């Protein structure tokens, strides 16, 4: 089982800082580190093996929970209190539905996924 999650843990082992996401004109810190994934797993009863499938065939509730866990952990990393609830997040997203896609892009970037950016080849 560990061999299936090792790539996830390796990506998360890098030093990760939070970034910001703007949802309906509100700028919020967001961080999809191991702590955010731990909270998401706990809240959704997602197994460690299934974390590599994040963003694939998710329910709306799971997507909101994942984004919320990232925002909650972003606040923790920024040493700020998070007074937002999942319901508050849903209300914000009502005015900015594209923010779900933005959050998934941040997730992909922070997990080391393909972001469409080209990397320069190293000189030998």
C-alpha atoms as a PDB file:
ATOM      1  CA  UNK A   1       0.000   0.000   0.000  1.00  0.00           C
ATOM      2  CA  UNK A   2       2.806   2.434   0.821  1.00  0.00           C
ATOM      3  CA  UNK A   3       4.182   2.114  -2.709  1.00  0.00           C
ATOM      4  CA  UNK A   4       0.944   3.548  -4.119  1.00  0.00           C
ATOM      5  CA  UNK A   5       1.043   6.614  -1.871  1.00  0.00           C
ATOM      6  CA  UNK A   6       4.804   7.174  -1.911  1.00  0.00           C
ATOM      7  CA  UNK A   7       4.633   9.582  -4.901  1.00  0.00           C
ATOM      8  CA  UNK A   8       2.041  11.689  -3.072  1.00  0.00           C
ATOM      9  CA  UNK A   9       4.146  11.812   0.083  1.00  0.00           C
ATOM     10  CA  UNK A  10       7.265  12.662  -1.917  1.00  0.00           C
ATOM     11  CA  UNK A  11       5.510  15.621  -3.536  1.00  0.00           C
ATOM     12  CA  UNK A  12       4.227  16.807  -0.183  1.00  0.00           C
ATOM     13  CA  UNK A  13       7.634  16.420   1.446  1.00  0.00           C
ATOM     14  CA  UNK A  14       8.845  19.520  -0.406  1.00  0.00           C
ATOM     15  CA  UNK A  15       8.621  22.723   1.588  1.00  0.00           C
ATOM     16  CA  UNK A  16       5.245  24.148   0.722  1.00  0.00           C
ATOM     17  CA  UNK A  17       4.058  27.645   1.367  1.00  0.00           C
ATOM     18  CA  UNK A  18       0.584  28.966   1.042  1.00  0.00           C
ATOM     19  CA  UNK A  19      -0.629  31.053  -1.837  1.00  0.00           C
ATOM     20  CA  UNK A  20      -3.749  33.145  -2.287  1.00  0.00           C
ATOM     21  CA  UNK A  21      -6.962  32.458  -4.120  1.00  0.00           C
ATOM     22  CA  UNK A  22      -9.456  35.162  -4.958  1.00  0.00           C
ATOM     23  CA  UNK A  23     -13.065  34.056  -4.628  1.00  0.00           C
ATOM     24  CA  UNK A  24     -15.763  36.612  -5.341  1.00  0.00           C
ATOM     25  CA  UNK A  25     -13.333  39.499  -4.699  1.00  0.00           C
ATOM     26  CA  UNK A  26     -12.156  38.008  -1.394  1.00  0.00           C
ATOM     27  CA  UNK A  27      -8.478  37.059  -1.202  1.00  0.00           C
ATOM     28  CA  UNK A  28      -7.903  33.944   0.929  1.00  0.00           C
ATOM     29  CA  UNK A  29      -4.724  32.023   1.802  1.00  0.00           C
ATOM     30  CA  UNK A  30      -4.788  28.432   0.550  1.00  0.00           C
ATOM     31  CA  UNK A  31      -2.439  25.519   1.071  1.00  0.00           C
ATOM     32  CA  UNK A  32      -2.923  21.914   0.014  1.00  0.00           C
ATOM     33  CA  UNK A  33      -0.280  20.336   2.198  1.00  0.00           C
ATOM     34  CA  UNK A  34      -0.378  17.075   4.097  1.00  0.00           C
ATOM     35  CA  UNK A  35      -2.392  18.664   6.903  1.00  0.00           C
ATOM     36  CA  UNK A  36      -5.125  19.836   4.515  1.00  0.00           C
ATOM     37  CA  UNK A  37      -5.259  16.378   2.945  1.00  0.00           C
ATOM     38  CA  UNK A  38      -5.410  14.795   6.404  1.00  0.00           C
ATOM     39  CA  UNK A  39      -8.394  16.958   7.286  1.00  0.00           C
ATOM     40  CA  UNK A  40     -10.074  16.244   3.961  1.00  0.00           C
ATOM     41  CA  UNK A  41      -9.549  12.497   4.427  1.00  0.00           C
ATOM     42  CA  UNK A  42     -11.018  12.662   7.906  1.00  0.00           C
ATOM     43  CA  UNK A  43     -14.061  14.710   6.871  1.00  0.00           C
ATOM     44  CA  UNK A  44     -14.853  12.624   3.773  1.00  0.00           C
ATOM     45  CA  UNK A  45     -13.655   9.210   4.932  1.00  0.00           C
ATOM     46  CA  UNK A  46     -11.267   9.087   1.963  1.00  0.00           C
ATOM     47  CA  UNK A  47      -8.517   6.495   2.185  1.00  0.00           C
ATOM     48  CA  UNK A  48      -4.870   7.351   1.735  1.00  0.00           C
ATOM     49  CA  UNK A  49      -4.851   5.249  -1.433  1.00  0.00           C
ATOM     50  CA  UNK A  50      -7.624   7.360  -2.949  1.00  0.00           C
ATOM     51  CA  UNK A  51      -5.866  10.707  -2.459  1.00  0.00           C
ATOM     52  CA  UNK A  52      -4.169  10.331  -5.849  1.00  0.00           C
ATOM     53  CA  UNK A  53      -7.645  10.582  -7.423  1.00  0.00           C
ATOM     54  CA  UNK A  54      -8.416  14.035  -6.032  1.00  0.00           C
ATOM     55  CA  UNK A  55     -10.401  16.125  -8.457  1.00  0.00           C
ATOM     56  CA  UNK A  56     -11.652  13.139 -10.458  1.00  0.00           C
ATOM     57  CA  UNK A  57     -15.400  12.446 -10.314  1.00  0.00           C
ATOM     58  CA  UNK A  58     -15.789  14.400  -7.082  1.00  0.00           C
ATOM     59  CA  UNK A  59     -19.160  15.362  -5.705  1.00  0.00           C
ATOM     60  CA  UNK A  60     -19.795  19.058  -5.218  1.00  0.00           C
ATOM     61  CA  UNK A  61     -19.734  18.511  -1.462  1.00  0.00           C
ATOM     62  CA  UNK A  62     -16.328  16.795  -1.686  1.00  0.00           C
ATOM     63  CA  UNK A  63     -14.958  19.602  -3.875  1.00  0.00           C
ATOM     64  CA  UNK A  64     -16.162  22.255  -1.429  1.00  0.00           C
ATOM     65  CA  UNK A  65     -14.749  20.274   1.494  1.00  0.00           C
ATOM     66  CA  UNK A  66     -11.369  19.929  -0.246  1.00  0.00           C
ATOM     67  CA  UNK A  67     -11.209  23.646  -1.058  1.00  0.00           C
ATOM     68  CA  UNK A  68     -12.295  24.501   2.472  1.00  0.00           C
ATOM     69  CA  UNK A  69      -9.563  22.287   3.968  1.00  0.00           C
ATOM     70  CA  UNK A  70      -7.001  24.031   1.742  1.00  0.00           C
ATOM     71  CA  UNK A  71      -8.235  27.468   2.796  1.00  0.00           C
ATOM     72  CA  UNK A  72      -8.371  26.475   6.452  1.00  0.00           C
ATOM     73  CA  UNK A  73      -4.781  25.202   6.283  1.00  0.00           C
ATOM     74  CA  UNK A  74      -3.732  28.292   4.332  1.00  0.00           C
ATOM     75  CA  UNK A  75      -5.002  30.406   7.221  1.00  0.00           C
ATOM     76  CA  UNK A  76      -3.078  28.218   9.679  1.00  0.00           C
ATOM     77  CA  UNK A  77       0.123  28.576   7.621  1.00  0.00           C
ATOM     78  CA  UNK A  78      -0.420  32.342   7.388  1.00  0.00           C
ATOM     79  CA  UNK A  79      -0.996  32.430  11.148  1.00  0.00           C
ATOM     80  CA  UNK A  80      -4.483  33.887  10.657  1.00  0.00           C
ATOM     81  CA  UNK A  81      -7.782  32.873  12.194  1.00  0.00           C
ATOM     82  CA  UNK A  82     -10.176  31.247   9.749  1.00  0.00           C
ATOM     83  CA  UNK A  83     -13.717  32.363  10.450  1.00  0.00           C
ATOM     84  CA  UNK A  84     -15.058  30.833   7.253  1.00  0.00           C
ATOM     85  CA  UNK A  85     -17.316  27.768   7.194  1.00  0.00           C
ATOM     86  CA  UNK A  86     -18.053  25.412   4.301  1.00  0.00           C
ATOM     87  CA  UNK A  87     -21.424  27.162   3.982  1.00  0.00           C
ATOM     88  CA  UNK A  88     -19.709  30.570   3.830  1.00  0.00           C
ATOM     89  CA  UNK A  89     -17.358  29.216   1.146  1.00  0.00           C
ATOM     90  CA  UNK A  90     -20.324  27.934  -0.868  1.00  0.00           C
ATOM     91  CA  UNK A  91     -21.916  31.395  -0.645  1.00  0.00           C
ATOM     92  CA  UNK A  92     -18.700  33.003  -1.915  1.00  0.00           C
ATOM     93  CA  UNK A  93     -18.485  30.518  -4.783  1.00  0.00           C
ATOM     94  CA  UNK A  94     -22.090  31.312  -5.758  1.00  0.00           C
ATOM     95  CA  UNK A  95     -20.752  34.621  -7.061  1.00  0.00           C
ATOM     96  CA  UNK A  96     -17.611  33.119  -8.643  1.00  0.00           C
ATOM     97  CA  UNK A  97     -18.151  29.576  -9.884  1.00  0.00           C
ATOM     98  CA  UNK A  98     -14.819  29.681 -11.782  1.00  0.00           C
ATOM     99  CA  UNK A  99     -13.035  29.674  -8.418  1.00  0.00           C
ATOM    100  CA  UNK A 100     -13.559  25.895  -8.160  1.00  0.00           C
ATOM    101  CA  UNK A 101     -11.340  25.484 -11.223  1.00  0.00           C
ATOM    102  CA  UNK A 102      -8.826  27.974  -9.806  1.00  0.00           C
ATOM    103  CA  UNK A 103      -8.621  25.965  -6.568  1.00  0.00           C
ATOM    104  CA  UNK A 104      -8.078  22.718  -8.495  1.00  0.00           C
ATOM    105  CA  UNK A 105      -5.269  24.385 -10.463  1.00  0.00           C
ATOM    106  CA  UNK A 106      -3.629  25.423  -7.193  1.00  0.00           C
ATOM    107  CA  UNK A 107      -4.045  21.868  -5.913  1.00  0.00           C
ATOM    108  CA  UNK A 108      -2.321  20.524  -9.041  1.00  0.00           C
ATOM    109  CA  UNK A 109       0.517  23.053  -8.721  1.00  0.00           C
ATOM    110  CA  UNK A 110       1.083  22.342  -5.046  1.00  0.00           C
ATOM    111  CA  UNK A 111       0.952  18.594  -5.617  1.00  0.00           C
ATOM    112  CA  UNK A 112       3.549  18.905  -8.381  1.00  0.00           C
ATOM    113  CA  UNK A 113       1.136  18.214 -11.226  1.00  0.00           C
ATOM    114  CA  UNK A 114       1.260  19.497 -14.776  1.00  0.00           C
ATOM    115  CA  UNK A 115       0.465  23.191 -14.730  1.00  0.00           C
ATOM    116  CA  UNK A 116       1.141  23.820 -18.394  1.00  0.00           C
ATOM    117  CA  UNK A 117       4.385  25.632 -17.607  1.00  0.00           C
ATOM    118  CA  UNK A 118       7.394  24.527 -19.595  1.00  0.00           C
ATOM    119  CA  UNK A 119      10.586  23.843 -17.725  1.00  0.00           C
ATOM    120  CA  UNK A 120      13.972  24.564 -19.245  1.00  0.00           C
ATOM    121  CA  UNK A 121      16.157  21.563 -19.867  1.00  0.00           C
ATOM    122  CA  UNK A 122      19.232  21.337 -17.676  1.00  0.00           C
ATOM    123  CA  UNK A 123      22.558  21.821 -19.390  1.00  0.00           C
ATOM    124  CA  UNK A 124      24.941  18.908 -19.158  1.00  0.00           C
END
